[in-house]
PDB file of N, CA and C in Angstrom:
ATOM      1  N   MET A   1       8.017   8.342 -13.453  1.00  0.00           N
ATOM      2  CA  MET A   1       8.025   8.159 -12.017  1.00  0.00           C
ATOM      3  C   MET A   1       6.706   7.514 -11.592  1.00  0.00           C
ATOM      4  N   SER A   2       6.785   6.451 -10.822  1.00  0.00           N
ATOM      5  CA  SER A   2       5.597   5.808 -10.278  1.00  0.00           C
ATOM      6  C   SER A   2       5.109   6.614  -9.072  1.00  0.00           C
ATOM      7  N   THR A   3       3.822   6.772  -8.968  1.00  0.00           N
ATOM      8  CA  THR A   3       3.261   7.478  -7.824  1.00  0.00           C
ATOM      9  C   THR A   3       2.438   6.525  -6.956  1.00  0.00           C
ATOM     10  N   GLU A   4       2.704   5.242  -7.084  1.00  0.00           N
ATOM     11  CA  GLU A   4       2.024   4.228  -6.281  1.00  0.00           C
ATOM     12  C   GLU A   4       2.616   4.205  -4.869  1.00  0.00           C
ATOM     13  N   ALA A   5       1.763   4.272  -3.861  1.00  0.00           N
ATOM     14  CA  ALA A   5       2.221   4.210  -2.478  1.00  0.00           C
ATOM     15  C   ALA A   5       2.849   2.848  -2.207  1.00  0.00           C
ATOM     16  N   PHE A   6       3.868   2.839  -1.332  1.00  0.00           N
ATOM     17  CA  PHE A   6       4.506   1.580  -0.959  1.00  0.00           C
ATOM     18  C   PHE A   6       5.045   1.674   0.451  1.00  0.00           C
ATOM     19  N   PHE A   7       5.279   0.504   1.058  1.00  0.00           N
ATOM     20  CA  PHE A   7       5.862   0.459   2.390  1.00  0.00           C
ATOM     21  C   PHE A   7       7.354   0.264   2.253  1.00  0.00           C
ATOM     22  N   HIS A   8       8.136   1.147   2.887  1.00  0.00           N
ATOM     23  CA  HIS A   8       9.597   1.095   2.853  1.00  0.00           C
ATOM     24  C   HIS A   8      10.065   0.466   4.166  1.00  0.00           C
ATOM     25  N   ASP A   9      10.500  -0.796   4.084  1.00  0.00           N
ATOM     26  CA  ASP A   9      10.876  -1.550   5.288  1.00  0.00           C
ATOM     27  C   ASP A   9      11.976  -0.882   6.100  1.00  0.00           C
ATOM     28  N   ASP A  10      13.030  -0.420   5.440  1.00  0.00           N
ATOM     29  CA  ASP A  10      14.186   0.128   6.160  1.00  0.00           C
ATOM     30  C   ASP A  10      13.835   1.325   7.041  1.00  0.00           C
ATOM     31  N   SER A  11      12.921   2.166   6.574  1.00  0.00           N
ATOM     32  CA  SER A  11      12.557   3.347   7.360  1.00  0.00           C
ATOM     33  C   SER A  11      11.272   3.148   8.157  1.00  0.00           C
ATOM     34  N   GLY A  12      10.526   2.087   7.876  1.00  0.00           N
ATOM     35  CA  GLY A  12       9.268   1.851   8.576  1.00  0.00           C
ATOM     36  C   GLY A  12       8.201   2.863   8.233  1.00  0.00           C
ATOM     37  N   THR A  13       8.241   3.362   6.980  1.00  0.00           N
ATOM     38  CA  THR A  13       7.274   4.369   6.556  1.00  0.00           C
ATOM     39  C   THR A  13       6.525   3.925   5.313  1.00  0.00           C
ATOM     40  N   VAL A  14       5.312   4.445   5.183  1.00  0.00           N
ATOM     41  CA  VAL A  14       4.598   4.368   3.911  1.00  0.00           C
ATOM     42  C   VAL A  14       5.014   5.613   3.152  1.00  0.00           C
ATOM     43  N   ARG A  15       5.478   5.405   1.940  1.00  0.00           N
ATOM     44  CA  ARG A  15       5.873   6.527   1.079  1.00  0.00           C
ATOM     45  C   ARG A  15       4.845   6.671  -0.028  1.00  0.00           C
ATOM     46  N   PHE A  16       4.474   7.911  -0.295  1.00  0.00           N
ATOM     47  CA  PHE A  16       3.398   8.168  -1.247  1.00  0.00           C
ATOM     48  C   PHE A  16       3.559   9.562  -1.833  1.00  0.00           C
ATOM     49  N   TRP A  17       2.757   9.868  -2.829  1.00  0.00           N
ATOM     50  CA  TRP A  17       2.807  11.165  -3.501  1.00  0.00           C
ATOM     51  C   TRP A  17       1.411  11.755  -3.518  1.00  0.00           C
ATOM     52  N   VAL A  18       1.362  13.060  -3.391  1.00  0.00           N
ATOM     53  CA  VAL A  18       0.099  13.789  -3.387  1.00  0.00           C
ATOM     54  C   VAL A  18       0.110  14.766  -4.552  1.00  0.00           C
ATOM     55  N   GLN A  19      -0.975  14.777  -5.304  1.00  0.00           N
ATOM     56  CA  GLN A  19      -1.100  15.681  -6.441  1.00  0.00           C
ATOM     57  C   GLN A  19      -1.419  17.089  -5.944  1.00  0.00           C
ATOM     58  N   LEU A  20      -0.575  18.032  -6.323  1.00  0.00           N
ATOM     59  CA  LEU A  20      -0.799  19.449  -6.042  1.00  0.00           C
ATOM     60  C   LEU A  20      -0.835  20.179  -7.377  1.00  0.00           C
ATOM     61  N   ASP A  21      -1.156  21.464  -7.355  1.00  0.00           N
ATOM     62  CA  ASP A  21      -1.200  22.238  -8.593  1.00  0.00           C
ATOM     63  C   ASP A  21       0.112  22.163  -9.363  1.00  0.00           C
ATOM     64  N   GLN A  22       1.230  22.180  -8.647  1.00  0.00           N
ATOM     65  CA  GLN A  22       2.542  22.197  -9.288  1.00  0.00           C
ATOM     66  C   GLN A  22       3.064  20.798  -9.620  1.00  0.00           C
ATOM     67  N   GLY A  23       2.283  19.771  -9.370  1.00  0.00           N
ATOM     68  CA  GLY A  23       2.704  18.398  -9.651  1.00  0.00           C
ATOM     69  C   GLY A  23       2.617  17.548  -8.399  1.00  0.00           C
ATOM     70  N   HIS A  24       3.261  16.402  -8.431  1.00  0.00           N
ATOM     71  CA  HIS A  24       3.261  15.493  -7.285  1.00  0.00           C
ATOM     72  C   HIS A  24       4.345  15.891  -6.280  1.00  0.00           C
ATOM     73  N   ILE A  25       4.013  15.742  -5.005  1.00  0.00           N
ATOM     74  CA  ILE A  25       4.989  15.990  -3.949  1.00  0.00           C
ATOM     75  C   ILE A  25       5.113  14.714  -3.118  1.00  0.00           C
ATOM     76  N   GLY A  26       6.343  14.344  -2.810  1.00  0.00           N
ATOM     77  CA  GLY A  26       6.600  13.137  -2.041  1.00  0.00           C
ATOM     78  C   GLY A  26       6.356  13.347  -0.562  1.00  0.00           C
ATOM     79  N   ALA A  27       5.812  12.300   0.068  1.00  0.00           N
ATOM     80  CA  ALA A  27       5.527  12.361   1.493  1.00  0.00           C
ATOM     81  C   ALA A  27       5.680  10.968   2.091  1.00  0.00           C
ATOM     82  N   MET A  28       5.755  10.927   3.409  1.00  0.00           N
ATOM     83  CA  MET A  28       5.838   9.648   4.109  1.00  0.00           C
ATOM     84  C   MET A  28       5.226   9.793   5.483  1.00  0.00           C
ATOM     85  N   VAL A  29       4.814   8.650   6.007  1.00  0.00           N
ATOM     86  CA  VAL A  29       4.245   8.606   7.343  1.00  0.00           C
ATOM     87  C   VAL A  29       4.692   7.302   7.988  1.00  0.00           C
ATOM     88  N   ARG A  30       5.116   7.388   9.244  1.00  0.00           N
ATOM     89  CA  ARG A  30       5.617   6.214   9.956  1.00  0.00           C
ATOM     90  C   ARG A  30       4.485   5.237  10.267  1.00  0.00           C
ATOM     91  N   LYS A  31       4.815   3.950  10.255  1.00  0.00           N
ATOM     92  CA  LYS A  31       3.804   2.930  10.548  1.00  0.00           C
ATOM     93  C   LYS A  31       3.225   3.115  11.941  1.00  0.00           C
ATOM     94  N   GLU A  32       4.030   3.578  12.896  1.00  0.00           N
ATOM     95  CA  GLU A  32       3.534   3.798  14.251  1.00  0.00           C
ATOM     96  C   GLU A  32       2.507   4.933  14.293  1.00  0.00           C
ATOM     97  N   THR A  33       2.738   5.974  13.509  1.00  0.00           N
ATOM     98  CA  THR A  33       1.791   7.084  13.444  1.00  0.00           C
ATOM     99  C   THR A  33       0.452   6.596  12.906  1.00  0.00           C
ATOM    100  N   LEU A  34       0.495   5.804  11.841  1.00  0.00           N
ATOM    101  CA  LEU A  34      -0.739   5.253  11.280  1.00  0.00           C
ATOM    102  C   LEU A  34      -1.449   4.357  12.289  1.00  0.00           C
ATOM    103  N   HIS A  35      -0.679   3.503  12.944  1.00  0.00           N
ATOM    104  CA  HIS A  35      -1.264   2.570  13.908  1.00  0.00           C
ATOM    105  C   HIS A  35      -1.972   3.312  15.035  1.00  0.00           C
ATOM    106  N   TYR A  36      -1.269   4.244  15.682  1.00  0.00           N
ATOM    107  CA  TYR A  36      -1.843   4.906  16.847  1.00  0.00           C
ATOM    108  C   TYR A  36      -2.969   5.863  16.494  1.00  0.00           C
ATOM    109  N   ARG A  37      -2.996   6.361  15.276  1.00  0.00           N
ATOM    110  CA  ARG A  37      -4.101   7.248  14.871  1.00  0.00           C
ATOM    111  C   ARG A  37      -5.336   6.456  14.453  1.00  0.00           C
ATOM    112  N   PHE A  38      -5.155   5.374  13.703  1.00  0.00           N
ATOM    113  CA  PHE A  38      -6.287   4.700  13.089  1.00  0.00           C
ATOM    114  C   PHE A  38      -6.629   3.335  13.688  1.00  0.00           C
ATOM    115  N   HIS A  39      -5.681   2.631  14.301  1.00  0.00           N
ATOM    116  CA  HIS A  39      -5.925   1.288  14.843  1.00  0.00           C
ATOM    117  C   HIS A  39      -5.247   1.093  16.206  1.00  0.00           C
ATOM    118  N   PRO A  40      -5.492   1.978  17.165  1.00  0.00           N
ATOM    119  CA  PRO A  40      -4.747   1.878  18.427  1.00  0.00           C
ATOM    120  C   PRO A  40      -4.996   0.581  19.187  1.00  0.00           C
ATOM    121  N   GLN A  41      -6.126  -0.039  18.978  1.00  0.00           N
ATOM    122  CA  GLN A  41      -6.424  -1.294  19.674  1.00  0.00           C
ATOM    123  C   GLN A  41      -6.062  -2.516  18.839  1.00  0.00           C
ATOM    124  N   GLY A  42      -5.631  -2.294  17.600  1.00  0.00           N
ATOM    125  CA  GLY A  42      -5.337  -3.399  16.692  1.00  0.00           C
ATOM    126  C   GLY A  42      -3.989  -4.041  16.948  1.00  0.00           C
ATOM    127  N   VAL A  43      -3.805  -5.187  16.326  1.00  0.00           N
ATOM    128  CA  VAL A  43      -2.553  -5.920  16.407  1.00  0.00           C
ATOM    129  C   VAL A  43      -2.175  -6.324  14.981  1.00  0.00           C
ATOM    130  N   ASN A  44      -0.911  -6.115  14.634  1.00  0.00           N
ATOM    131  CA  ASN A  44      -0.405  -6.511  13.313  1.00  0.00           C
ATOM    132  C   ASN A  44      -1.164  -5.876  12.150  1.00  0.00           C
ATOM    133  N   ASP A  45      -1.566  -4.612  12.299  1.00  0.00           N
ATOM    134  CA  ASP A  45      -2.242  -3.942  11.195  1.00  0.00           C
ATOM    135  C   ASP A  45      -1.234  -3.645  10.083  1.00  0.00           C
ATOM    136  N   ASP A  46      -1.717  -3.600   8.873  1.00  0.00           N
ATOM    137  CA  ASP A  46      -0.894  -3.378   7.688  1.00  0.00           C
ATOM    138  C   ASP A  46      -0.833  -1.879   7.406  1.00  0.00           C
ATOM    139  N   PRO A  47       0.351  -1.255   7.545  1.00  0.00           N
ATOM    140  CA  PRO A  47       0.434   0.198   7.365  1.00  0.00           C
ATOM    141  C   PRO A  47       0.029   0.659   5.968  1.00  0.00           C
ATOM    142  N   LEU A  48       0.338  -0.116   4.940  1.00  0.00           N
ATOM    143  CA  LEU A  48      -0.031   0.294   3.583  1.00  0.00           C
ATOM    144  C   LEU A  48      -1.551   0.246   3.405  1.00  0.00           C
ATOM    145  N   ALA A  49      -2.188  -0.778   3.940  1.00  0.00           N
ATOM    146  CA  ALA A  49      -3.650  -0.861   3.874  1.00  0.00           C
ATOM    147  C   ALA A  49      -4.284   0.277   4.665  1.00  0.00           C
ATOM    148  N   THR A  50      -3.701   0.588   5.829  1.00  0.00           N
ATOM    149  CA  THR A  50      -4.213   1.701   6.633  1.00  0.00           C
ATOM    150  C   THR A  50      -4.100   3.001   5.861  1.00  0.00           C
ATOM    151  N   TYR A  51      -2.945   3.226   5.220  1.00  0.00           N
ATOM    152  CA  TYR A  51      -2.797   4.437   4.405  1.00  0.00           C
ATOM    153  C   TYR A  51      -3.888   4.480   3.334  1.00  0.00           C
ATOM    154  N   ARG A  52      -4.053   3.397   2.610  1.00  0.00           N
ATOM    155  CA  ARG A  52      -5.049   3.374   1.522  1.00  0.00           C
ATOM    156  C   ARG A  52      -6.461   3.639   2.043  1.00  0.00           C
ATOM    157  N   ASP A  53      -6.792   3.081   3.198  1.00  0.00           N
ATOM    158  CA  ASP A  53      -8.128   3.278   3.770  1.00  0.00           C
ATOM    159  C   ASP A  53      -8.378   4.723   4.190  1.00  0.00           C
ATOM    160  N   HIS A  54      -7.322   5.453   4.482  1.00  0.00           N
ATOM    161  CA  HIS A  54      -7.454   6.825   5.003  1.00  0.00           C
ATOM    162  C   HIS A  54      -6.687   7.841   4.154  1.00  0.00           C
ATOM    163  N   ALA A  55      -6.459   7.510   2.887  1.00  0.00           N
ATOM    164  CA  ALA A  55      -5.631   8.351   2.013  1.00  0.00           C
ATOM    165  C   ALA A  55      -6.148   9.783   1.897  1.00  0.00           C
ATOM    166  N   ALA A  56      -7.435   9.974   1.823  1.00  0.00           N
ATOM    167  CA  ALA A  56      -7.957  11.338   1.667  1.00  0.00           C
ATOM    168  C   ALA A  56      -7.573  12.207   2.862  1.00  0.00           C
ATOM    169  N   GLU A  57      -7.726  11.690   4.076  1.00  0.00           N
ATOM    170  CA  GLU A  57      -7.373  12.444   5.280  1.00  0.00           C
ATOM    171  C   GLU A  57      -5.864  12.683   5.365  1.00  0.00           C
ATOM    172  N   ILE A  58      -5.089  11.653   5.036  1.00  0.00           N
ATOM    173  CA  ILE A  58      -3.635  11.760   5.098  1.00  0.00           C
ATOM    174  C   ILE A  58      -3.120  12.727   4.033  1.00  0.00           C
ATOM    175  N   ASP A  59      -3.656  12.634   2.824  1.00  0.00           N
ATOM    176  CA  ASP A  59      -3.252  13.552   1.755  1.00  0.00           C
ATOM    177  C   ASP A  59      -3.597  14.998   2.113  1.00  0.00           C
ATOM    178  N   SER A  60      -4.728  15.200   2.782  1.00  0.00           N
ATOM    179  CA  SER A  60      -5.093  16.557   3.234  1.00  0.00           C
ATOM    180  C   SER A  60      -4.073  17.097   4.220  1.00  0.00           C
ATOM    181  N   ALA A  61      -3.547  16.223   5.071  1.00  0.00           N
ATOM    182  CA  ALA A  61      -2.518  16.647   6.022  1.00  0.00           C
ATOM    183  C   ALA A  61      -1.261  17.096   5.288  1.00  0.00           C
ATOM    184  N   VAL A  62      -0.908  16.406   4.212  1.00  0.00           N
ATOM    185  CA  VAL A  62       0.250  16.811   3.404  1.00  0.00           C
ATOM    186  C   VAL A  62      -0.007  18.184   2.800  1.00  0.00           C
ATOM    187  N   ARG A  63      -1.196  18.387   2.257  1.00  0.00           N
ATOM    188  CA  ARG A  63      -1.523  19.687   1.654  1.00  0.00           C
ATOM    189  C   ARG A  63      -1.443  20.815   2.684  1.00  0.00           C
ATOM    190  N   ARG A  64      -1.884  20.554   3.914  1.00  0.00           N
ATOM    191  CA  ARG A  64      -1.780  21.576   4.964  1.00  0.00           C
ATOM    192  C   ARG A  64      -0.326  21.891   5.271  1.00  0.00           C
ATOM    193  N   ARG A  65       0.518  20.876   5.327  1.00  0.00           N
ATOM    194  CA  ARG A  65       1.942  21.103   5.606  1.00  0.00           C
ATOM    195  C   ARG A  65       2.596  21.913   4.486  1.00  0.00           C
ATOM    196  N   VAL A  66       2.259  21.591   3.230  1.00  0.00           N
ATOM    197  CA  VAL A  66       2.816  22.348   2.101  1.00  0.00           C
ATOM    198  C   VAL A  66       2.336  23.796   2.166  1.00  0.00           C
ATOM    199  N   ALA A  67       1.059  24.003   2.450  1.00  0.00           N
ATOM    200  CA  ALA A  67       0.510  25.361   2.547  1.00  0.00           C
ATOM    201  C   ALA A  67       1.191  26.151   3.663  1.00  0.00           C
ATOM    202  N   ALA A  68       1.656  25.451   4.695  1.00  0.00           N
ATOM    203  CA  ALA A  68       2.339  26.107   5.816  1.00  0.00           C
ATOM    204  C   ALA A  68       3.822  26.338   5.535  1.00  0.00           C
ATOM    205  N   GLY A  69       4.296  25.886   4.364  1.00  0.00           N
ATOM    206  CA  GLY A  69       5.667  26.166   3.977  1.00  0.00           C
ATOM    207  C   GLY A  69       6.638  25.005   4.047  1.00  0.00           C
ATOM    208  N   SER A  70       6.164  23.807   4.373  1.00  0.00           N
ATOM    209  CA  SER A  70       7.060  22.650   4.431  1.00  0.00           C
ATOM    210  C   SER A  70       7.544  22.279   3.034  1.00  0.00           C
ATOM    211  N   ALA A  71       8.781  21.787   2.973  1.00  0.00           N
ATOM    212  CA  ALA A  71       9.374  21.386   1.705  1.00  0.00           C
ATOM    213  C   ALA A  71       9.396  19.862   1.581  1.00  0.00           C
ATOM    214  N   GLU A  72       9.433  19.398   0.363  1.00  0.00           N
ATOM    215  CA  GLU A  72       9.490  17.967   0.057  1.00  0.00           C
ATOM    216  C   GLU A  72      10.823  17.377   0.487  1.00  0.00           C
ATOM    217  N   PRO A  73      10.837  16.160   0.972  1.00  0.00           N
ATOM    218  CA  PRO A  73       9.692  15.281   1.243  1.00  0.00           C
ATOM    219  C   PRO A  73       9.035  15.642   2.577  1.00  0.00           C
ATOM    220  N   ILE A  74       7.746  15.490   2.615  1.00  0.00           N
ATOM    221  CA  ILE A  74       6.968  15.792   3.813  1.00  0.00           C
ATOM    222  C   ILE A  74       6.924  14.538   4.685  1.00  0.00           C
ATOM    223  N   LEU A  75       7.374  14.652   5.924  1.00  0.00           N
ATOM    224  CA  LEU A  75       7.236  13.571   6.894  1.00  0.00           C
ATOM    225  C   LEU A  75       6.109  13.960   7.833  1.00  0.00           C
ATOM    226  N   LEU A  76       4.988  13.247   7.722  1.00  0.00           N
ATOM    227  CA  LEU A  76       3.866  13.551   8.597  1.00  0.00           C
ATOM    228  C   LEU A  76       4.175  13.089  10.012  1.00  0.00           C
ATOM    229  N   ARG A  77       3.831  13.935  10.949  1.00  0.00           N
ATOM    230  CA  ARG A  77       4.022  13.634  12.365  1.00  0.00           C
ATOM    231  C   ARG A  77       2.677  13.262  12.976  1.00  0.00           C
ATOM    232  N   ASP A  78       2.723  12.773  14.201  1.00  0.00           N
ATOM    233  CA  ASP A  78       1.491  12.359  14.873  1.00  0.00           C
ATOM    234  C   ASP A  78       0.443  13.476  14.862  1.00  0.00           C
ATOM    235  N   GLY A  79       0.857  14.680  15.201  1.00  0.00           N
ATOM    236  CA  GLY A  79      -0.081  15.799  15.273  1.00  0.00           C
ATOM    237  C   GLY A  79      -0.667  16.215  13.937  1.00  0.00           C
ATOM    238  N   ASP A  80      -0.004  15.857  12.860  1.00  0.00           N
ATOM    239  CA  ASP A  80      -0.505  16.229  11.532  1.00  0.00           C
ATOM    240  C   ASP A  80      -1.788  15.489  11.165  1.00  0.00           C
ATOM    241  N   ILE A  81      -1.940  14.274  11.687  1.00  0.00           N
ATOM    242  CA  ILE A  81      -3.138  13.502  11.356  1.00  0.00           C
ATOM    243  C   ILE A  81      -3.947  13.133  12.601  1.00  0.00           C
ATOM    244  N   ALA A  82      -3.687  13.838  13.687  1.00  0.00           N
ATOM    245  CA  ALA A  82      -4.467  13.615  14.914  1.00  0.00           C
ATOM    246  C   ALA A  82      -5.880  14.134  14.696  1.00  0.00           C
ATOM    247  N   PRO A  83      -6.843  13.514  15.361  1.00  0.00           N
ATOM    248  CA  PRO A  83      -8.211  14.033  15.250  1.00  0.00           C
ATOM    249  C   PRO A  83      -8.257  15.478  15.711  1.00  0.00           C
ATOM    250  N   ARG A  84      -8.970  16.311  14.987  1.00  0.00           N
ATOM    251  CA  ARG A  84      -9.108  17.703  15.366  1.00  0.00           C
ATOM    252  C   ARG A  84     -10.142  17.818  16.489  1.00  0.00           C
ATOM    253  N   PRO A  85      -9.967  18.786  17.375  1.00  0.00           N
ATOM    254  CA  PRO A  85     -10.935  18.958  18.471  1.00  0.00           C
ATOM    255  C   PRO A  85     -12.352  19.088  17.921  1.00  0.00           C
ATOM    256  N   GLY A  86     -13.270  18.348  18.526  1.00  0.00           N
ATOM    257  CA  GLY A  86     -14.660  18.387  18.098  1.00  0.00           C
ATOM    258  C   GLY A  86     -14.979  17.423  16.984  1.00  0.00           C
ATOM    259  N   ALA A  87     -13.960  16.807  16.370  1.00  0.00           N
ATOM    260  CA  ALA A  87     -14.210  15.850  15.295  1.00  0.00           C
ATOM    261  C   ALA A  87     -14.476  14.484  15.914  1.00  0.00           C
ATOM    262  N   GLY A  88     -15.464  13.802  15.396  1.00  0.00           N
ATOM    263  CA  GLY A  88     -15.769  12.458  15.882  1.00  0.00           C
ATOM    264  C   GLY A  88     -14.758  11.465  15.359  1.00  0.00           C
ATOM    265  N   THR A  89     -14.686  10.313  15.982  1.00  0.00           N
ATOM    266  CA  THR A  89     -13.762   9.272  15.549  1.00  0.00           C
ATOM    267  C   THR A  89     -14.418   8.308  14.581  1.00  0.00           C
ATOM    268  N   GLY A  90     -15.721   8.458  14.377  1.00  0.00           N
ATOM    269  CA  GLY A  90     -16.420   7.558  13.486  1.00  0.00           C
ATOM    270  C   GLY A  90     -16.792   6.248  14.156  1.00  0.00           C
ATOM    271  N   ARG A  91     -16.643   6.174  15.456  1.00  0.00           N
ATOM    272  CA  ARG A  91     -16.972   4.933  16.186  1.00  0.00           C
ATOM    273  C   ARG A  91     -18.153   5.149  17.081  1.00  0.00           C
TER     274      ARG A  91
END
């Protein structure tokens, strides 16, 4: 099984896998979620590049969802990767 992230045109999601103790778990995030979280002022941003640039933060969101009891495949929602209160935006 390949664990390389890719953009799935039909669903408009980046699909990827996160390594957990029990193995890899499949997850996805919509291109709109990535855009509005990481490039709200941008135009024509590449969702796969955005995922790669922020993979550590996005993968952490998957781990939190799994810890909370979510089952595979994990679909990250806007709130899953929203900035946490008190966290800077890096700008």
